[in-house]
N, C-alpha and C. Protein backbone atom coordinates (compact mmCIF):
# COMPACT_ATOMS: atom_id res chain seq x y z
N MET A 1 -97.78 -166.36 44.55
CA MET A 1 -98.20 -167.13 45.69
C MET A 1 -98.18 -166.23 46.91
N LYS A 2 -99.27 -166.19 47.64
CA LYS A 2 -99.40 -165.37 48.82
C LYS A 2 -98.67 -166.03 49.99
N GLU A 3 -97.90 -165.23 50.73
CA GLU A 3 -97.14 -165.78 51.85
C GLU A 3 -98.06 -166.00 53.04
N SER A 4 -97.87 -167.10 53.76
CA SER A 4 -98.65 -167.40 54.94
C SER A 4 -98.08 -166.66 56.13
N LYS A 5 -98.98 -166.15 57.01
CA LYS A 5 -98.53 -165.45 58.20
C LYS A 5 -99.23 -166.05 59.42
N PRO A 6 -98.52 -166.14 60.55
CA PRO A 6 -99.18 -166.62 61.76
C PRO A 6 -100.19 -165.60 62.26
N MET A 7 -101.25 -166.06 62.92
CA MET A 7 -102.27 -165.17 63.45
C MET A 7 -102.65 -165.62 64.85
N LEU A 8 -103.29 -164.74 65.58
CA LEU A 8 -103.87 -165.14 66.85
C LEU A 8 -105.09 -165.99 66.55
N ILE A 9 -105.21 -167.09 67.25
CA ILE A 9 -106.24 -168.08 66.91
C ILE A 9 -107.66 -167.51 67.03
N GLY A 10 -107.92 -166.74 68.07
CA GLY A 10 -109.27 -166.19 68.25
C GLY A 10 -109.67 -165.26 67.12
N SER A 11 -108.75 -164.39 66.73
CA SER A 11 -109.02 -163.46 65.62
C SER A 11 -109.26 -164.22 64.33
N ARG A 12 -108.47 -165.26 64.14
CA ARG A 12 -108.61 -166.05 62.92
C ARG A 12 -109.95 -166.78 62.88
N LEU A 13 -110.35 -167.35 64.02
CA LEU A 13 -111.64 -168.03 64.08
C LEU A 13 -112.78 -167.07 63.77
N ARG A 14 -112.72 -165.87 64.33
CA ARG A 14 -113.76 -164.87 64.05
C ARG A 14 -113.77 -164.52 62.57
N GLN A 15 -112.56 -164.30 62.00
CA GLN A 15 -112.46 -163.94 60.59
C GLN A 15 -113.08 -165.03 59.70
N LEU A 16 -112.74 -166.28 59.97
CA LEU A 16 -113.29 -167.38 59.16
C LEU A 16 -114.80 -167.50 59.35
N ARG A 17 -115.27 -167.37 60.58
CA ARG A 17 -116.70 -167.46 60.86
C ARG A 17 -117.46 -166.39 60.10
N GLU A 18 -116.92 -165.16 60.13
CA GLU A 18 -117.60 -164.05 59.44
C GLU A 18 -117.55 -164.22 57.93
N GLN A 19 -116.44 -164.78 57.40
CA GLN A 19 -116.35 -165.04 55.96
C GLN A 19 -117.41 -166.04 55.51
N LYS A 20 -117.75 -166.96 56.40
CA LYS A 20 -118.77 -167.98 56.09
C LYS A 20 -120.17 -167.48 56.41
N HIS A 21 -120.28 -166.20 56.81
CA HIS A 21 -121.56 -165.58 57.16
C HIS A 21 -122.28 -166.38 58.25
N MET A 22 -121.50 -166.76 59.26
CA MET A 22 -122.05 -167.52 60.38
C MET A 22 -121.98 -166.68 61.64
N SER A 23 -122.95 -166.86 62.50
CA SER A 23 -122.93 -166.19 63.80
C SER A 23 -122.35 -167.14 64.83
N GLN A 24 -122.06 -166.60 66.01
CA GLN A 24 -121.62 -167.47 67.10
C GLN A 24 -122.71 -168.47 67.45
N GLY A 25 -123.96 -168.05 67.30
CA GLY A 25 -125.08 -168.95 67.54
C GLY A 25 -125.11 -170.12 66.56
N ASP A 26 -124.73 -169.85 65.30
CA ASP A 26 -124.66 -170.93 64.31
C ASP A 26 -123.61 -171.96 64.72
N ILE A 27 -122.47 -171.47 65.20
CA ILE A 27 -121.41 -172.38 65.65
C ILE A 27 -121.92 -173.18 66.85
N GLU A 28 -122.58 -172.51 67.77
CA GLU A 28 -123.12 -173.17 68.96
C GLU A 28 -124.07 -174.30 68.56
N ASP A 29 -124.95 -174.01 67.62
CA ASP A 29 -125.93 -175.01 67.19
C ASP A 29 -125.28 -176.21 66.49
N ARG A 30 -124.22 -175.96 65.74
CA ARG A 30 -123.63 -177.03 64.93
C ARG A 30 -122.63 -177.90 65.68
N ILE A 31 -121.89 -177.32 66.64
CA ILE A 31 -120.90 -178.15 67.33
C ILE A 31 -121.08 -178.20 68.83
N GLY A 32 -122.12 -177.54 69.32
CA GLY A 32 -122.47 -177.68 70.72
C GLY A 32 -121.63 -176.88 71.70
N LEU A 33 -120.82 -175.96 71.22
CA LEU A 33 -120.07 -175.11 72.13
C LEU A 33 -120.94 -173.92 72.52
N LEU A 34 -120.87 -173.54 73.77
CA LEU A 34 -121.68 -172.41 74.22
C LEU A 34 -121.21 -171.11 73.56
N ARG A 35 -122.17 -170.26 73.26
CA ARG A 35 -121.86 -168.98 72.62
C ARG A 35 -120.89 -168.15 73.46
N CYS A 36 -121.03 -168.21 74.79
CA CYS A 36 -120.12 -167.44 75.65
C CYS A 36 -118.70 -167.99 75.55
N TYR A 37 -118.56 -169.31 75.37
CA TYR A 37 -117.24 -169.92 75.20
C TYR A 37 -116.63 -169.46 73.87
N ILE A 38 -117.42 -169.48 72.82
CA ILE A 38 -116.95 -169.06 71.50
C ILE A 38 -116.47 -167.61 71.56
N SER A 39 -117.22 -166.77 72.25
CA SER A 39 -116.85 -165.38 72.41
C SER A 39 -115.53 -165.24 73.16
N ARG A 40 -115.36 -166.04 74.22
CA ARG A 40 -114.11 -165.99 75.00
C ARG A 40 -112.93 -166.41 74.14
N VAL A 41 -113.12 -167.41 73.28
CA VAL A 41 -112.04 -167.86 72.38
C VAL A 41 -111.72 -166.75 71.39
N GLU A 42 -112.74 -166.20 70.74
CA GLU A 42 -112.53 -165.17 69.72
C GLU A 42 -111.89 -163.91 70.29
N ASN A 43 -112.14 -163.62 71.54
CA ASN A 43 -111.57 -162.43 72.16
C ASN A 43 -110.24 -162.69 72.88
N GLY A 44 -109.72 -163.92 72.75
CA GLY A 44 -108.42 -164.23 73.30
C GLY A 44 -108.37 -164.50 74.80
N HIS A 45 -109.54 -164.74 75.42
CA HIS A 45 -109.58 -165.00 76.85
C HIS A 45 -109.44 -166.48 77.19
N THR A 46 -109.66 -167.32 76.19
CA THR A 46 -109.59 -168.77 76.37
C THR A 46 -108.83 -169.38 75.20
N VAL A 47 -107.99 -170.35 75.50
CA VAL A 47 -107.27 -171.07 74.45
C VAL A 47 -107.94 -172.42 74.26
N PRO A 48 -108.48 -172.68 73.09
CA PRO A 48 -109.18 -173.95 72.86
C PRO A 48 -108.21 -175.12 72.74
N SER A 49 -108.70 -176.31 73.06
CA SER A 49 -107.91 -177.52 72.89
C SER A 49 -107.82 -177.87 71.41
N LEU A 50 -106.93 -178.79 71.09
CA LEU A 50 -106.80 -179.23 69.70
C LEU A 50 -108.10 -179.88 69.23
N GLU A 51 -108.74 -180.65 70.08
CA GLU A 51 -110.02 -181.27 69.72
C GLU A 51 -111.06 -180.21 69.37
N THR A 52 -111.10 -179.14 70.16
CA THR A 52 -112.05 -178.06 69.89
C THR A 52 -111.71 -177.36 68.59
N LEU A 53 -110.42 -177.16 68.33
CA LEU A 53 -110.01 -176.53 67.07
C LEU A 53 -110.40 -177.39 65.88
N GLU A 54 -110.30 -178.71 66.03
CA GLU A 54 -110.72 -179.61 64.96
C GLU A 54 -112.22 -179.47 64.70
N ARG A 55 -112.98 -179.29 65.77
CA ARG A 55 -114.43 -179.10 65.62
C ARG A 55 -114.72 -177.78 64.91
N PHE A 56 -113.99 -176.72 65.28
CA PHE A 56 -114.16 -175.43 64.60
C PHE A 56 -113.84 -175.58 63.12
N ALA A 57 -112.72 -176.24 62.80
CA ALA A 57 -112.32 -176.40 61.40
C ALA A 57 -113.39 -177.15 60.62
N ALA A 58 -113.95 -178.17 61.24
CA ALA A 58 -114.98 -178.96 60.56
C ALA A 58 -116.22 -178.12 60.27
N VAL A 59 -116.69 -177.37 61.25
CA VAL A 59 -117.91 -176.58 61.04
C VAL A 59 -117.66 -175.42 60.08
N LEU A 60 -116.42 -174.90 60.06
CA LEU A 60 -116.09 -173.81 59.14
C LEU A 60 -115.67 -174.33 57.77
N ASP A 61 -115.57 -175.67 57.64
CA ASP A 61 -115.22 -176.32 56.39
C ASP A 61 -113.88 -175.83 55.83
N VAL A 62 -112.87 -175.84 56.71
CA VAL A 62 -111.51 -175.47 56.32
C VAL A 62 -110.54 -176.50 56.89
N PRO A 63 -109.38 -176.68 56.24
CA PRO A 63 -108.37 -177.55 56.82
C PRO A 63 -107.86 -176.95 58.13
N LEU A 64 -107.44 -177.78 59.05
CA LEU A 64 -107.01 -177.33 60.37
C LEU A 64 -105.92 -176.27 60.29
N TYR A 65 -104.96 -176.41 59.36
CA TYR A 65 -103.86 -175.44 59.30
C TYR A 65 -104.36 -174.02 59.03
N GLN A 66 -105.51 -173.89 58.35
CA GLN A 66 -106.01 -172.55 58.04
C GLN A 66 -106.50 -171.80 59.27
N LEU A 67 -106.65 -172.48 60.39
CA LEU A 67 -106.98 -171.77 61.62
C LEU A 67 -105.76 -171.01 62.13
N PHE A 68 -104.58 -171.41 61.69
CA PHE A 68 -103.35 -170.80 62.18
C PHE A 68 -102.67 -169.89 61.17
N TYR A 69 -103.00 -170.03 59.88
CA TYR A 69 -102.34 -169.27 58.84
C TYR A 69 -103.35 -168.76 57.83
N CYS A 70 -103.01 -167.61 57.24
CA CYS A 70 -103.77 -167.10 56.09
C CYS A 70 -103.08 -167.60 54.84
N GLY A 71 -103.80 -167.78 53.81
CA GLY A 71 -103.20 -168.21 52.55
C GLY A 71 -103.90 -169.44 52.03
N GLU A 72 -103.71 -169.68 50.76
CA GLU A 72 -104.39 -170.80 50.10
C GLU A 72 -103.68 -172.13 50.31
N GLU A 73 -102.35 -172.08 50.41
CA GLU A 73 -101.58 -173.32 50.52
C GLU A 73 -101.11 -173.52 51.95
N ALA A 74 -100.89 -174.77 52.30
CA ALA A 74 -100.35 -175.08 53.62
C ALA A 74 -98.97 -174.48 53.75
N PRO A 75 -98.62 -173.99 54.93
CA PRO A 75 -97.28 -173.42 55.11
C PRO A 75 -96.24 -174.52 55.01
N PRO A 76 -95.03 -174.16 54.63
CA PRO A 76 -93.99 -175.18 54.53
C PRO A 76 -93.68 -175.76 55.91
N THR A 77 -93.40 -177.05 55.94
CA THR A 77 -93.07 -177.71 57.19
C THR A 77 -91.55 -177.80 57.29
N PRO A 78 -90.97 -177.16 58.29
CA PRO A 78 -89.51 -177.23 58.40
C PRO A 78 -89.08 -178.61 58.87
N SER A 79 -87.88 -178.98 58.51
CA SER A 79 -87.32 -180.22 58.99
C SER A 79 -86.82 -179.98 60.41
N LEU A 80 -87.48 -180.56 61.39
CA LEU A 80 -87.12 -180.31 62.77
C LEU A 80 -85.88 -181.09 63.19
N THR A 81 -85.63 -182.19 62.52
CA THR A 81 -84.44 -182.98 62.81
C THR A 81 -83.68 -183.19 61.51
N PRO A 82 -82.74 -182.31 61.21
CA PRO A 82 -82.02 -182.44 59.95
C PRO A 82 -81.28 -183.78 59.90
N ARG A 83 -81.37 -184.42 58.77
CA ARG A 83 -80.72 -185.72 58.60
C ARG A 83 -79.41 -185.54 57.86
N LYS A 84 -78.45 -186.33 58.27
CA LYS A 84 -77.16 -186.31 57.61
C LYS A 84 -77.20 -187.27 56.43
N THR A 85 -76.43 -186.94 55.43
CA THR A 85 -76.34 -187.83 54.28
C THR A 85 -75.44 -189.00 54.65
N LEU A 86 -75.52 -190.04 53.86
CA LEU A 86 -74.67 -191.21 54.08
C LEU A 86 -73.20 -190.82 54.01
N GLU A 87 -72.88 -189.93 53.09
CA GLU A 87 -71.50 -189.47 52.95
C GLU A 87 -71.03 -188.75 54.22
N GLU A 88 -71.89 -187.91 54.82
CA GLU A 88 -71.53 -187.20 56.05
C GLU A 88 -71.31 -188.16 57.21
N ILE A 89 -72.18 -189.16 57.30
CA ILE A 89 -72.05 -190.13 58.39
C ILE A 89 -70.76 -190.92 58.26
N THR A 90 -70.48 -191.38 57.05
CA THR A 90 -69.26 -192.17 56.88
C THR A 90 -68.02 -191.31 57.02
N ALA A 91 -68.09 -190.03 56.62
CA ALA A 91 -66.94 -189.14 56.78
C ALA A 91 -66.65 -188.90 58.26
N GLU A 92 -67.69 -188.82 59.09
CA GLU A 92 -67.50 -188.64 60.53
C GLU A 92 -66.80 -189.83 61.17
N ASN A 93 -67.06 -191.01 60.62
CA ASN A 93 -66.50 -192.24 61.18
C ASN A 93 -65.16 -192.60 60.54
N GLY A 94 -64.51 -191.67 59.90
CA GLY A 94 -63.23 -191.95 59.28
C GLY A 94 -63.39 -192.24 57.81
N ALA A 95 -62.36 -192.80 57.24
CA ALA A 95 -62.37 -193.11 55.80
C ALA A 95 -63.48 -194.11 55.49
N MET A 96 -64.07 -193.93 54.31
CA MET A 96 -65.14 -194.84 53.92
C MET A 96 -64.55 -196.20 53.60
N GLU A 97 -65.06 -197.22 54.30
CA GLU A 97 -64.57 -198.57 54.09
C GLU A 97 -65.72 -199.50 53.82
N GLY A 98 -65.43 -200.59 53.17
CA GLY A 98 -66.34 -201.70 53.00
C GLY A 98 -67.78 -201.36 52.70
N ASP A 99 -68.66 -201.69 53.65
CA ASP A 99 -70.11 -201.54 53.47
C ASP A 99 -70.51 -200.10 53.20
N ALA A 100 -69.91 -199.17 53.93
CA ALA A 100 -70.29 -197.76 53.75
C ALA A 100 -69.96 -197.29 52.35
N GLN A 101 -68.79 -197.65 51.87
CA GLN A 101 -68.39 -197.27 50.52
C GLN A 101 -69.31 -197.90 49.48
N PHE A 102 -69.67 -199.15 49.70
CA PHE A 102 -70.59 -199.85 48.80
C PHE A 102 -71.94 -199.14 48.77
N LEU A 103 -72.48 -198.76 49.94
CA LEU A 103 -73.78 -198.09 49.99
C LEU A 103 -73.75 -196.74 49.29
N VAL A 104 -72.67 -196.01 49.44
CA VAL A 104 -72.56 -194.73 48.75
C VAL A 104 -72.58 -194.94 47.24
N LYS A 105 -71.84 -195.91 46.76
CA LYS A 105 -71.83 -196.19 45.33
C LYS A 105 -73.19 -196.68 44.85
N LEU A 106 -73.85 -197.53 45.67
CA LEU A 106 -75.15 -198.06 45.30
C LEU A 106 -76.19 -196.96 45.18
N THR A 107 -76.19 -196.03 46.12
CA THR A 107 -77.18 -194.94 46.04
C THR A 107 -76.93 -194.08 44.82
N THR A 108 -75.68 -193.86 44.48
CA THR A 108 -75.36 -193.08 43.28
C THR A 108 -75.88 -193.78 42.03
N VAL A 109 -75.65 -195.09 41.95
CA VAL A 109 -76.10 -195.85 40.79
C VAL A 109 -77.63 -195.90 40.73
N LEU A 110 -78.28 -196.15 41.88
CA LEU A 110 -79.74 -196.26 41.90
C LEU A 110 -80.43 -194.98 41.43
N THR A 111 -79.86 -193.84 41.74
CA THR A 111 -80.49 -192.59 41.32
C THR A 111 -80.43 -192.41 39.81
N ARG A 112 -79.49 -193.07 39.15
CA ARG A 112 -79.35 -192.95 37.70
C ARG A 112 -80.19 -193.97 36.93
N LEU A 113 -80.68 -194.99 37.61
CA LEU A 113 -81.44 -196.05 36.94
C LEU A 113 -82.88 -195.61 36.67
N ALA A 114 -83.43 -196.15 35.62
CA ALA A 114 -84.87 -195.95 35.35
C ALA A 114 -85.65 -196.75 36.40
N GLU A 115 -86.86 -196.34 36.66
CA GLU A 115 -87.64 -196.97 37.73
C GLU A 115 -87.81 -198.48 37.59
N PRO A 116 -88.11 -199.01 36.41
CA PRO A 116 -88.22 -200.47 36.30
C PRO A 116 -86.92 -201.19 36.66
N ASP A 117 -85.79 -200.62 36.23
CA ASP A 117 -84.50 -201.23 36.56
C ASP A 117 -84.22 -201.14 38.06
N ARG A 118 -84.57 -200.01 38.64
CA ARG A 118 -84.39 -199.82 40.09
C ARG A 118 -85.23 -200.84 40.86
N ASP A 119 -86.45 -201.11 40.40
CA ASP A 119 -87.30 -202.10 41.05
C ASP A 119 -86.68 -203.50 41.01
N VAL A 120 -86.04 -203.83 39.88
CA VAL A 120 -85.38 -205.14 39.76
C VAL A 120 -84.24 -205.24 40.77
N VAL A 121 -83.42 -204.21 40.87
CA VAL A 121 -82.28 -204.22 41.80
C VAL A 121 -82.78 -204.31 43.24
N LEU A 122 -83.79 -203.55 43.57
CA LEU A 122 -84.32 -203.56 44.95
C LEU A 122 -84.97 -204.90 45.27
N SER A 123 -85.63 -205.49 44.31
CA SER A 123 -86.24 -206.81 44.50
C SER A 123 -85.15 -207.86 44.78
N LEU A 124 -84.08 -207.79 44.01
CA LEU A 124 -82.95 -208.69 44.21
C LEU A 124 -82.33 -208.49 45.59
N ALA A 125 -82.18 -207.23 46.00
CA ALA A 125 -81.62 -206.93 47.31
C ALA A 125 -82.52 -207.48 48.43
N LYS A 126 -83.82 -207.40 48.26
CA LYS A 126 -84.75 -207.94 49.27
C LYS A 126 -84.59 -209.45 49.39
N ARG A 127 -84.49 -210.13 48.23
CA ARG A 127 -84.32 -211.58 48.26
C ARG A 127 -83.01 -211.98 48.91
N LEU A 128 -81.96 -211.24 48.64
CA LEU A 128 -80.67 -211.54 49.26
C LEU A 128 -80.70 -211.27 50.77
N ALA A 129 -81.43 -210.25 51.17
CA ALA A 129 -81.51 -209.92 52.59
C ALA A 129 -82.26 -210.96 53.40
N THR A 130 -83.16 -211.70 52.77
CA THR A 130 -83.94 -212.73 53.50
C THR A 130 -83.17 -214.03 53.64
N ARG A 131 -82.06 -214.16 52.98
CA ARG A 131 -81.26 -215.40 53.08
C ARG A 131 -80.46 -215.45 54.33
């Protein structure tokens, strides 16, 4: 698997345009951007808006992420807000008591159940929650 690398947007747009054997005039004709604007973007003098980048991606027939990265697959998306596990949350609040302890046990059991059995338990829990 080829690793994805960040690129300068203008250089990447030029690279993709040339790979598609398109001229700046072709881009101008298809999405209505002036050739001088396209040149300014490709040479790094202008930063296009997200809407304009979406238009470039559409005319170049590539997913939007490929304007920012090289590679066949989308780059991994980091977790920007790491989530704590139920065990970590309950440990922060002192000893696990009552509901928290029950939820920890329930999640452990649910992960071991086959999907049809899990659906039955969740369905029952939904009915009990509406009472």
